[in-house]
Amino acid sequence: MEDIIAIVLLFGGGTLIALSLSPIGRAIADRIKGVGSGSSGDVVRQLEETQGHVLDELDALRQEVAEVQERLDFTERLLANQRDVGRLEQGSAGEG
């Protein structure tokens, strides 16, 4: 049993040391300390700015979709009118 514990401690300790020296280990340590890319206030501010930009883009896309829908409705009405005119012309030619 002591052999297994010794092996686990050796490999586990070596892994932890290697991890602590790597960039990932440093990032984890900075995250735990609260140091790094910014304080939580900065992060919240950045998220709010990003949310504002996303909402602005969403509003712009909604406007574009509404314009495309209006154009589609207009095109459908034009096509329907052309079909109606074609039917009327065929009907009047067949009667005469």
PDB file of N, CA and C in Angstrom:
ATOM      1  N   MET A   1       0.819  -1.188   0.000  1.00  0.00           N
ATOM      2  CA  MET A   1       0.000   0.000   0.000  1.00  0.00           C
ATOM      3  C   MET A   1       0.870   1.262   0.000  1.00  0.00           C
ATOM      4  N   GLU A   2       1.971   1.248   0.709  1.00  0.00           N
ATOM      5  CA  GLU A   2       2.857   2.396   0.751  1.00  0.00           C
ATOM      6  C   GLU A   2       3.477   2.665  -0.618  1.00  0.00           C
ATOM      7  N   ASP A   3       3.687   1.600  -1.394  1.00  0.00           N
ATOM      8  CA  ASP A   3       4.252   1.760  -2.725  1.00  0.00           C
ATOM      9  C   ASP A   3       3.309   2.572  -3.620  1.00  0.00           C
ATOM     10  N   ILE A   4       2.036   2.261  -3.533  1.00  0.00           N
ATOM     11  CA  ILE A   4       1.041   2.962  -4.350  1.00  0.00           C
ATOM     12  C   ILE A   4       0.975   4.433  -3.951  1.00  0.00           C
ATOM     13  N   ILE A   5       0.987   4.698  -2.647  1.00  0.00           N
ATOM     14  CA  ILE A   5       0.936   6.085  -2.176  1.00  0.00           C
ATOM     15  C   ILE A   5       2.181   6.839  -2.629  1.00  0.00           C
ATOM     16  N   ALA A   6       3.323   6.210  -2.586  1.00  0.00           N
ATOM     17  CA  ALA A   6       4.567   6.847  -3.014  1.00  0.00           C
ATOM     18  C   ALA A   6       4.510   7.182  -4.507  1.00  0.00           C
ATOM     19  N   ILE A   7       4.004   6.253  -5.298  1.00  0.00           N
ATOM     20  CA  ILE A   7       3.908   6.474  -6.746  1.00  0.00           C
ATOM     21  C   ILE A   7       2.942   7.620  -7.036  1.00  0.00           C
ATOM     22  N   VAL A   8       1.787   7.627  -6.356  1.00  0.00           N
ATOM     23  CA  VAL A   8       0.796   8.686  -6.570  1.00  0.00           C
ATOM     24  C   VAL A   8       1.385  10.039  -6.183  1.00  0.00           C
ATOM     25  N   LEU A   9       2.073  10.095  -5.057  1.00  0.00           N
ATOM     26  CA  LEU A   9       2.669  11.364  -4.623  1.00  0.00           C
ATOM     27  C   LEU A   9       3.752  11.833  -5.581  1.00  0.00           C
ATOM     28  N   LEU A  10       4.563  10.913  -6.077  1.00  0.00           N
ATOM     29  CA  LEU A  10       5.620  11.291  -7.014  1.00  0.00           C
ATOM     30  C   LEU A  10       5.045  11.833  -8.320  1.00  0.00           C
ATOM     31  N   PHE A  11       4.161  11.049  -8.917  1.00  0.00           N
ATOM     32  CA  PHE A  11       3.601  11.479 -10.195  1.00  0.00           C
ATOM     33  C   PHE A  11       2.651  12.661 -10.029  1.00  0.00           C
ATOM     34  N   GLY A  12       1.857  12.657  -8.971  1.00  0.00           N
ATOM     35  CA  GLY A  12       0.945  13.780  -8.720  1.00  0.00           C
ATOM     36  C   GLY A  12       1.704  15.063  -8.430  1.00  0.00           C
ATOM     37  N   GLY A  13       2.736  14.960  -7.606  1.00  0.00           N
ATOM     38  CA  GLY A  13       3.546  16.140  -7.307  1.00  0.00           C
ATOM     39  C   GLY A  13       4.266  16.669  -8.524  1.00  0.00           C
ATOM     40  N   GLY A  14       4.818  15.767  -9.312  1.00  0.00           N
ATOM     41  CA  GLY A  14       5.494  16.176 -10.548  1.00  0.00           C
ATOM     42  C   GLY A  14       4.530  16.843 -11.517  1.00  0.00           C
ATOM     43  N   THR A  15       3.339  16.311 -11.605  1.00  0.00           N
ATOM     44  CA  THR A  15       2.327  16.891 -12.492  1.00  0.00           C
ATOM     45  C   THR A  15       1.934  18.283 -12.012  1.00  0.00           C
ATOM     46  N   LEU A  16       1.747  18.443 -10.698  1.00  0.00           N
ATOM     47  CA  LEU A  16       1.376  19.749 -10.160  1.00  0.00           C
ATOM     48  C   LEU A  16       2.473  20.781 -10.363  1.00  0.00           C
ATOM     49  N   ILE A  17       3.713  20.386 -10.205  1.00  0.00           N
ATOM     50  CA  ILE A  17       4.827  21.305 -10.425  1.00  0.00           C
ATOM     51  C   ILE A  17       4.888  21.718 -11.897  1.00  0.00           C
ATOM     52  N   ALA A  18       4.759  20.748 -12.786  1.00  0.00           N
ATOM     53  CA  ALA A  18       4.778  21.056 -14.217  1.00  0.00           C
ATOM     54  C   ALA A  18       3.615  21.969 -14.591  1.00  0.00           C
ATOM     55  N   LEU A  19       2.444  21.720 -14.019  1.00  0.00           N
ATOM     56  CA  LEU A  19       1.272  22.541 -14.296  1.00  0.00           C
ATOM     57  C   LEU A  19       1.455  23.955 -13.768  1.00  0.00           C
ATOM     58  N   SER A  20       2.044  24.087 -12.596  1.00  0.00           N
ATOM     59  CA  SER A  20       2.222  25.420 -12.012  1.00  0.00           C
ATOM     60  C   SER A  20       3.204  26.259 -12.808  1.00  0.00           C
ATOM     61  N   LEU A  21       4.139  25.645 -13.506  1.00  0.00           N
ATOM     62  CA  LEU A  21       5.110  26.382 -14.306  1.00  0.00           C
ATOM     63  C   LEU A  21       4.604  26.679 -15.718  1.00  0.00           C
ATOM     64  N   SER A  22       3.540  26.044 -16.129  1.00  0.00           N
ATOM     65  CA  SER A  22       3.022  26.244 -17.477  1.00  0.00           C
ATOM     66  C   SER A  22       2.140  27.497 -17.514  1.00  0.00           C
ATOM     67  N   PRO A  23       1.883  28.027 -18.710  1.00  0.00           N
ATOM     68  CA  PRO A  23       1.000  29.196 -18.831  1.00  0.00           C
ATOM     69  C   PRO A  23      -0.416  28.910 -18.317  1.00  0.00           C
ATOM     70  N   ILE A  24      -0.870  27.710 -18.491  1.00  0.00           N
ATOM     71  CA  ILE A  24      -2.202  27.341 -17.992  1.00  0.00           C
ATOM     72  C   ILE A  24      -2.221  27.396 -16.475  1.00  0.00           C
ATOM     73  N   GLY A  25      -1.173  26.874 -15.840  1.00  0.00           N
ATOM     74  CA  GLY A  25      -1.084  26.923 -14.386  1.00  0.00           C
ATOM     75  C   GLY A  25      -1.038  28.349 -13.866  1.00  0.00           C
ATOM     76  N   ARG A  26      -0.308  29.218 -14.564  1.00  0.00           N
ATOM     77  CA  ARG A  26      -0.247  30.625 -14.156  1.00  0.00           C
ATOM     78  C   ARG A  26      -1.603  31.297 -14.312  1.00  0.00           C
ATOM     79  N   ALA A  27      -2.298  30.977 -15.391  1.00  0.00           N
ATOM     80  CA  ALA A  27      -3.625  31.569 -15.587  1.00  0.00           C
ATOM     81  C   ALA A  27      -4.590  31.111 -14.505  1.00  0.00           C
ATOM     82  N   ILE A  28      -4.520  29.848 -14.141  1.00  0.00           N
ATOM     83  CA  ILE A  28      -5.377  29.338 -13.065  1.00  0.00           C
ATOM     84  C   ILE A  28      -5.037  30.021 -11.753  1.00  0.00           C
ATOM     85  N   ALA A  29      -3.747  30.192 -11.475  1.00  0.00           N
ATOM     86  CA  ALA A  29      -3.334  30.857 -10.237  1.00  0.00           C
ATOM     87  C   ALA A  29      -3.783  32.311 -10.221  1.00  0.00           C
ATOM     88  N   ASP A  30      -3.651  33.013 -11.353  1.00  0.00           N
ATOM     89  CA  ASP A  30      -4.107  34.400 -11.420  1.00  0.00           C
ATOM     90  C   ASP A  30      -5.618  34.487 -11.224  1.00  0.00           C
ATOM     91  N   ARG A  31      -6.321  33.539 -11.788  1.00  0.00           N
ATOM     92  CA  ARG A  31      -7.786  33.529 -11.632  1.00  0.00           C
ATOM     93  C   ARG A  31      -8.172  33.332 -10.174  1.00  0.00           C
ATOM     94  N   ILE A  32      -7.469  32.445  -9.494  1.00  0.00           N
ATOM     95  CA  ILE A  32      -7.752  32.200  -8.077  1.00  0.00           C
ATOM     96  C   ILE A  32      -7.434  33.442  -7.252  1.00  0.00           C
ATOM     97  N   LYS A  33      -6.321  34.115  -7.578  1.00  0.00           N
ATOM     98  CA  LYS A  33      -5.928  35.310  -6.845  1.00  0.00           C
ATOM     99  C   LYS A  33      -6.813  36.508  -7.168  1.00  0.00           C
ATOM    100  N   GLY A  34      -7.479  36.481  -8.328  1.00  0.00           N
ATOM    101  CA  GLY A  34      -8.279  37.627  -8.746  1.00  0.00           C
ATOM    102  C   GLY A  34      -7.467  38.644  -9.518  1.00  0.00           C
ATOM    103  N   VAL A  35      -6.286  38.224  -9.953  1.00  0.00           N
ATOM    104  CA  VAL A  35      -5.398  39.088 -10.719  1.00  0.00           C
ATOM    105  C   VAL A  35      -5.477  38.632 -12.166  1.00  0.00           C
ATOM    106  N   GLY A  36      -5.097  39.509 -13.060  1.00  0.00           N
ATOM    107  CA  GLY A  36      -5.021  39.050 -14.436  1.00  0.00           C
ATOM    108  C   GLY A  36      -5.633  40.051 -15.381  1.00  0.00           C
ATOM    109  N   SER A  37      -6.584  39.598 -16.190  1.00  0.00           N
ATOM    110  CA  SER A  37      -7.120  40.423 -17.262  1.00  0.00           C
ATOM    111  C   SER A  37      -7.873  41.637 -16.744  1.00  0.00           C
ATOM    112  N   GLY A  38      -8.281  41.656 -15.504  1.00  0.00           N
ATOM    113  CA  GLY A  38      -8.982  42.807 -14.968  1.00  0.00           C
ATOM    114  C   GLY A  38      -9.794  42.406 -13.765  1.00  0.00           C
ATOM    115  N   SER A  39     -10.277  43.416 -13.087  1.00  0.00           N
ATOM    116  CA  SER A  39     -11.099  43.125 -11.918  1.00  0.00           C
ATOM    117  C   SER A  39     -12.500  42.762 -12.374  1.00  0.00           C
ATOM    118  N   SER A  40     -13.308  42.348 -11.430  1.00  0.00           N
ATOM    119  CA  SER A  40     -14.659  41.931 -11.791  1.00  0.00           C
ATOM    120  C   SER A  40     -15.471  43.103 -12.314  1.00  0.00           C
ATOM    121  N   GLY A  41     -15.177  44.326 -11.848  1.00  0.00           N
ATOM    122  CA  GLY A  41     -15.868  45.507 -12.366  1.00  0.00           C
ATOM    123  C   GLY A  41     -15.567  45.740 -13.832  1.00  0.00           C
ATOM    124  N   ASP A  42     -14.305  45.535 -14.206  1.00  0.00           N
ATOM    125  CA  ASP A  42     -13.925  45.676 -15.615  1.00  0.00           C
ATOM    126  C   ASP A  42     -14.606  44.625 -16.475  1.00  0.00           C
ATOM    127  N   VAL A  43     -14.666  43.428 -15.957  1.00  0.00           N
ATOM    128  CA  VAL A  43     -15.291  42.334 -16.701  1.00  0.00           C
ATOM    129  C   VAL A  43     -16.776  42.622 -16.901  1.00  0.00           C
ATOM    130  N   VAL A  44     -17.434  43.103 -15.863  1.00  0.00           N
ATOM    131  CA  VAL A  44     -18.863  43.424 -15.961  1.00  0.00           C
ATOM    132  C   VAL A  44     -19.077  44.545 -16.972  1.00  0.00           C
ATOM    133  N   ARG A  45     -18.219  45.557 -16.936  1.00  0.00           N
ATOM    134  CA  ARG A  45     -18.336  46.672 -17.883  1.00  0.00           C
ATOM    135  C   ARG A  45     -18.150  46.187 -19.322  1.00  0.00           C
ATOM    136  N   GLN A  46     -17.164  45.322 -19.534  1.00  0.00           N
ATOM    137  CA  GLN A  46     -16.929  44.781 -20.872  1.00  0.00           C
ATOM    138  C   GLN A  46     -18.119  43.955 -21.345  1.00  0.00           C
ATOM    139  N   LEU A  47     -18.691  43.174 -20.440  1.00  0.00           N
ATOM    140  CA  LEU A  47     -19.861  42.371 -20.810  1.00  0.00           C
ATOM    141  C   LEU A  47     -21.051  43.256 -21.150  1.00  0.00           C
ATOM    142  N   GLU A  48     -21.241  44.339 -20.394  1.00  0.00           N
ATOM    143  CA  GLU A  48     -22.346  45.252 -20.688  1.00  0.00           C
ATOM    144  C   GLU A  48     -22.156  45.936 -22.033  1.00  0.00           C
ATOM    145  N   GLU A  49     -20.905  46.337 -22.343  1.00  0.00           N
ATOM    146  CA  GLU A  49     -20.628  46.939 -23.643  1.00  0.00           C
ATOM    147  C   GLU A  49     -20.897  45.952 -24.771  1.00  0.00           C
ATOM    148  N   THR A  50     -20.448  44.727 -24.581  1.00  0.00           N
ATOM    149  CA  THR A  50     -20.670  43.698 -25.592  1.00  0.00           C
ATOM    150  C   THR A  50     -22.160  43.442 -25.780  1.00  0.00           C
ATOM    151  N   GLN A  51     -22.886  43.396 -24.676  1.00  0.00           N
ATOM    152  CA  GLN A  51     -24.328  43.188 -24.753  1.00  0.00           C
ATOM    153  C   GLN A  51     -24.988  44.338 -25.516  1.00  0.00           C
ATOM    154  N   GLY A  52     -24.539  45.567 -25.260  1.00  0.00           N
ATOM    155  CA  GLY A  52     -25.090  46.718 -25.978  1.00  0.00           C
ATOM    156  C   GLY A  52     -24.841  46.615 -27.472  1.00  0.00           C
ATOM    157  N   HIS A  53     -23.628  46.217 -27.857  1.00  0.00           N
ATOM    158  CA  HIS A  53     -23.316  46.066 -29.278  1.00  0.00           C
ATOM    159  C   HIS A  53     -24.166  44.969 -29.912  1.00  0.00           C
ATOM    160  N   VAL A  54     -24.332  43.870 -29.208  1.00  0.00           N
ATOM    161  CA  VAL A  54     -25.129  42.759 -29.746  1.00  0.00           C
ATOM    162  C   VAL A  54     -26.583  43.188 -29.917  1.00  0.00           C
ATOM    163  N   LEU A  55     -27.119  43.918 -28.939  1.00  0.00           N
ATOM    164  CA  LEU A  55     -28.503  44.382 -29.044  1.00  0.00           C
ATOM    165  C   LEU A  55     -28.674  45.378 -30.186  1.00  0.00           C
ATOM    166  N   ASP A  56     -27.679  46.249 -30.392  1.00  0.00           N
ATOM    167  CA  ASP A  56     -27.738  47.185 -31.518  1.00  0.00           C
ATOM    168  C   ASP A  56     -27.750  46.435 -32.844  1.00  0.00           C
ATOM    169  N   GLU A  57     -26.890  45.427 -32.966  1.00  0.00           N
ATOM    170  CA  GLU A  57     -26.850  44.631 -34.193  1.00  0.00           C
ATOM    171  C   GLU A  57     -28.157  43.866 -34.394  1.00  0.00           C
ATOM    172  N   LEU A  58     -28.739  43.385 -33.311  1.00  0.00           N
ATOM    173  CA  LEU A  58     -30.011  42.674 -33.399  1.00  0.00           C
ATOM    174  C   LEU A  58     -31.118  43.598 -33.894  1.00  0.00           C
ATOM    175  N   ASP A  59     -31.142  44.835 -33.398  1.00  0.00           N
ATOM    176  CA  ASP A  59     -32.139  45.798 -33.872  1.00  0.00           C
ATOM    177  C   ASP A  59     -31.949  46.095 -35.356  1.00  0.00           C
ATOM    178  N   ALA A  60     -30.694  46.253 -35.781  1.00  0.00           N
ATOM    179  CA  ALA A  60     -30.422  46.509 -37.198  1.00  0.00           C
ATOM    180  C   ALA A  60     -30.878  45.332 -38.053  1.00  0.00           C
ATOM    181  N   LEU A  61     -30.628  44.123 -37.587  1.00  0.00           N
ATOM    182  CA  LEU A  61     -31.063  42.945 -38.347  1.00  0.00           C
ATOM    183  C   LEU A  61     -32.585  42.855 -38.412  1.00  0.00           C
ATOM    184  N   ARG A  62     -33.253  43.212 -37.331  1.00  0.00           N
ATOM    185  CA  ARG A  62     -34.723  43.213 -37.342  1.00  0.00           C
ATOM    186  C   ARG A  62     -35.253  44.199 -38.380  1.00  0.00           C
ATOM    187  N   GLN A  63     -34.637  45.376 -38.455  1.00  0.00           N
ATOM    188  CA  GLN A  63     -35.062  46.358 -39.447  1.00  0.00           C
ATOM    189  C   GLN A  63     -34.835  45.837 -40.864  1.00  0.00           C
ATOM    190  N   GLU A  64     -33.696  45.217 -41.089  1.00  0.00           N
ATOM    191  CA  GLU A  64     -33.405  44.670 -42.410  1.00  0.00           C
ATOM    192  C   GLU A  64     -34.404  43.580 -42.787  1.00  0.00           C
ATOM    193  N   VAL A  65     -34.733  42.716 -41.840  1.00  0.00           N
ATOM    194  CA  VAL A  65     -35.693  41.647 -42.117  1.00  0.00           C
ATOM    195  C   VAL A  65     -37.066  42.246 -42.417  1.00  0.00           C
ATOM    196  N   ALA A  66     -37.448  43.293 -41.695  1.00  0.00           N
ATOM    197  CA  ALA A  66     -38.737  43.940 -41.954  1.00  0.00           C
ATOM    198  C   ALA A  66     -38.759  44.549 -43.357  1.00  0.00           C
ATOM    199  N   GLU A  67     -37.648  45.177 -43.775  1.00  0.00           N
ATOM    200  CA  GLU A  67     -37.569  45.742 -45.120  1.00  0.00           C
ATOM    201  C   GLU A  67     -37.644  44.650 -46.181  1.00  0.00           C
ATOM    202  N   VAL A  68     -36.955  43.552 -45.951  1.00  0.00           N
ATOM    203  CA  VAL A  68     -36.987  42.442 -46.905  1.00  0.00           C
ATOM    204  C   VAL A  68     -38.403  41.867 -46.989  1.00  0.00           C
ATOM    205  N   GLN A  69     -39.088  41.782 -45.868  1.00  0.00           N
ATOM    206  CA  GLN A  69     -40.462  41.276 -45.861  1.00  0.00           C
ATOM    207  C   GLN A  69     -41.383  42.203 -46.653  1.00  0.00           C
ATOM    208  N   GLU A  70     -41.201  43.524 -46.505  1.00  0.00           N
ATOM    209  CA  GLU A  70     -42.005  44.469 -47.268  1.00  0.00           C
ATOM    210  C   GLU A  70     -41.740  44.319 -48.761  1.00  0.00           C
ATOM    211  N   ARG A  71     -40.479  44.166 -49.129  1.00  0.00           N
ATOM    212  CA  ARG A  71     -40.143  43.984 -50.551  1.00  0.00           C
ATOM    213  C   ARG A  71     -40.737  42.689 -51.093  1.00  0.00           C
ATOM    214  N   LEU A  72     -40.698  41.646 -50.287  1.00  0.00           N
ATOM    215  CA  LEU A  72     -41.271  40.373 -50.716  1.00  0.00           C
ATOM    216  C   LEU A  72     -42.776  40.498 -50.908  1.00  0.00           C
ATOM    217  N   ASP A  73     -43.449  41.175 -49.979  1.00  0.00           N
ATOM    218  CA  ASP A  73     -44.887  41.378 -50.120  1.00  0.00           C
ATOM    219  C   ASP A  73     -45.203  42.171 -51.377  1.00  0.00           C
ATOM    220  N   PHE A  74     -44.428  43.223 -51.644  1.00  0.00           N
ATOM    221  CA  PHE A  74     -44.625  44.030 -52.843  1.00  0.00           C
ATOM    222  C   PHE A  74     -44.446  43.191 -54.101  1.00  0.00           C
ATOM    223  N   THR A  75     -43.394  42.372 -54.123  1.00  0.00           N
ATOM    224  CA  THR A  75     -43.128  41.516 -55.286  1.00  0.00           C
ATOM    225  C   THR A  75     -44.246  40.508 -55.485  1.00  0.00           C
ATOM    226  N   GLU A  76     -44.731  39.930 -54.398  1.00  0.00           N
ATOM    227  CA  GLU A  76     -45.841  38.979 -54.518  1.00  0.00           C
ATOM    228  C   GLU A  76     -47.091  39.659 -55.072  1.00  0.00           C
ATOM    229  N   ARG A  77     -47.364  40.896 -54.640  1.00  0.00           N
ATOM    230  CA  ARG A  77     -48.533  41.612 -55.173  1.00  0.00           C
ATOM    231  C   ARG A  77     -48.364  41.894 -56.658  1.00  0.00           C
ATOM    232  N   LEU A  78     -47.155  42.283 -57.083  1.00  0.00           N
ATOM    233  CA  LEU A  78     -46.914  42.527 -58.505  1.00  0.00           C
ATOM    234  C   LEU A  78     -47.126  41.266 -59.333  1.00  0.00           C
ATOM    235  N   LEU A  79     -46.595  40.155 -58.827  1.00  0.00           N
ATOM    236  CA  LEU A  79     -46.759  38.900 -59.563  1.00  0.00           C
ATOM    237  C   LEU A  79     -48.225  38.484 -59.627  1.00  0.00           C
ATOM    238  N   ALA A  80     -48.939  38.678 -58.538  1.00  0.00           N
ATOM    239  CA  ALA A  80     -50.362  38.329 -58.529  1.00  0.00           C
ATOM    240  C   ALA A  80     -51.128  39.211 -59.506  1.00  0.00           C
ATOM    241  N   ASN A  81     -50.800  40.501 -59.584  1.00  0.00           N
ATOM    242  CA  ASN A  81     -51.465  41.397 -60.534  1.00  0.00           C
ATOM    243  C   ASN A  81     -51.175  40.990 -61.968  1.00  0.00           C
ATOM    244  N   GLN A  82     -49.939  40.599 -62.258  1.00  0.00           N
ATOM    245  CA  GLN A  82     -49.585  40.179 -63.615  1.00  0.00           C
ATOM    246  C   GLN A  82     -50.349  38.917 -64.001  1.00  0.00           C
ATOM    247  N   ARG A  83     -50.497  37.994 -63.057  1.00  0.00           N
ATOM    248  CA  ARG A  83     -51.267  36.773 -63.353  1.00  0.00           C
ATOM    249  C   ARG A  83     -52.733  37.106 -63.604  1.00  0.00           C
ATOM    250  N   ASP A  84     -53.266  38.033 -62.810  1.00  0.00           N
ATOM    251  CA  ASP A  84     -54.666  38.416 -62.989  1.00  0.00           C
ATOM    252  C   ASP A  84     -54.876  39.091 -64.333  1.00  0.00           C
ATOM    253  N   VAL A  85     -53.954  39.959 -64.742  1.00  0.00           N
ATOM    254  CA  VAL A  85     -54.056  40.630 -66.038  1.00  0.00           C
ATOM    255  C   VAL A  85     -53.962  39.598 -67.157  1.00  0.00           C
ATOM    256  N   GLY A  86     -53.079  38.650 -67.028  1.00  0.00           N
ATOM    257  CA  GLY A  86     -52.929  37.608 -68.051  1.00  0.00           C
ATOM    258  C   GLY A  86     -54.194  36.769 -68.158  1.00  0.00           C
ATOM    259  N   ARG A  87     -54.831  36.460 -67.050  1.00  0.00           N
ATOM    260  CA  ARG A  87     -56.073  35.697 -67.087  1.00  0.00           C
ATOM    261  C   ARG A  87     -57.202  36.500 -67.715  1.00  0.00           C
ATOM    262  N   LEU A  88     -57.264  37.783 -67.396  1.00  0.00           N
ATOM    263  CA  LEU A  88     -58.312  38.632 -67.973  1.00  0.00           C
ATOM    264  C   LEU A  88     -58.143  38.739 -69.486  1.00  0.00           C
ATOM    265  N   GLU A  89     -56.892  38.891 -69.942  1.00  0.00           N
ATOM    266  CA  GLU A  89     -56.648  38.983 -71.383  1.00  0.00           C
ATOM    267  C   GLU A  89     -57.000  37.690 -72.080  1.00  0.00           C
ATOM    268  N   GLN A  90     -56.682  36.552 -71.483  1.00  0.00           N
ATOM    269  CA  GLN A  90     -57.029  35.253 -72.066  1.00  0.00           C
ATOM    270  C   GLN A  90     -58.551  35.066 -72.093  1.00  0.00           C
ATOM    271  N   GLY A  91     -59.205  35.496 -71.039  1.00  0.00           N
ATOM    272  CA  GLY A  91     -60.657  35.337 -70.958  1.00  0.00           C
ATOM    273  C   GLY A  91     -61.364  36.204 -71.977  1.00  0.00           C
ATOM    274  N   SER A  92     -60.918  37.426 -72.193  1.00  0.00           N
ATOM    275  CA  SER A  92     -61.561  38.314 -73.143  1.00  0.00           C
ATOM    276  C   SER A  92     -61.246  37.890 -74.562  1.00  0.00           C
ATOM    277  N   ALA A  93     -60.087  37.298 -74.818  1.00  0.00           N
ATOM    278  CA  ALA A  93     -59.743  36.828 -76.161  1.00  0.00           C
ATOM    279  C   ALA A  93     -60.557  35.591 -76.500  1.00  0.00           C
ATOM    280  N   GLY A  94     -60.861  34.775 -75.538  1.00  0.00           N
ATOM    281  CA  GLY A  94     -61.608  33.562 -75.780  1.00  0.00           C
ATOM    282  C   GLY A  94     -63.096  33.833 -76.007  1.00  0.00           C
ATOM    283  N   GLU A  95     -63.588  34.938 -75.498  1.00  0.00           N
ATOM    284  CA  GLU A  95     -65.003  35.269 -75.628  1.00  0.00           C
ATOM    285  C   GLU A  95     -65.292  35.865 -76.999  1.00  0.00           C
ATOM    286  N   GLY A  96     -64.330  36.522 -77.586  1.00  0.00           N
ATOM    287  CA  GLY A  96     -64.563  37.284 -78.802  1.00  0.00           C
ATOM    288  C   GLY A  96     -64.429  36.473 -79.986  1.00  0.00           C
TER     289      GLY A  96
END
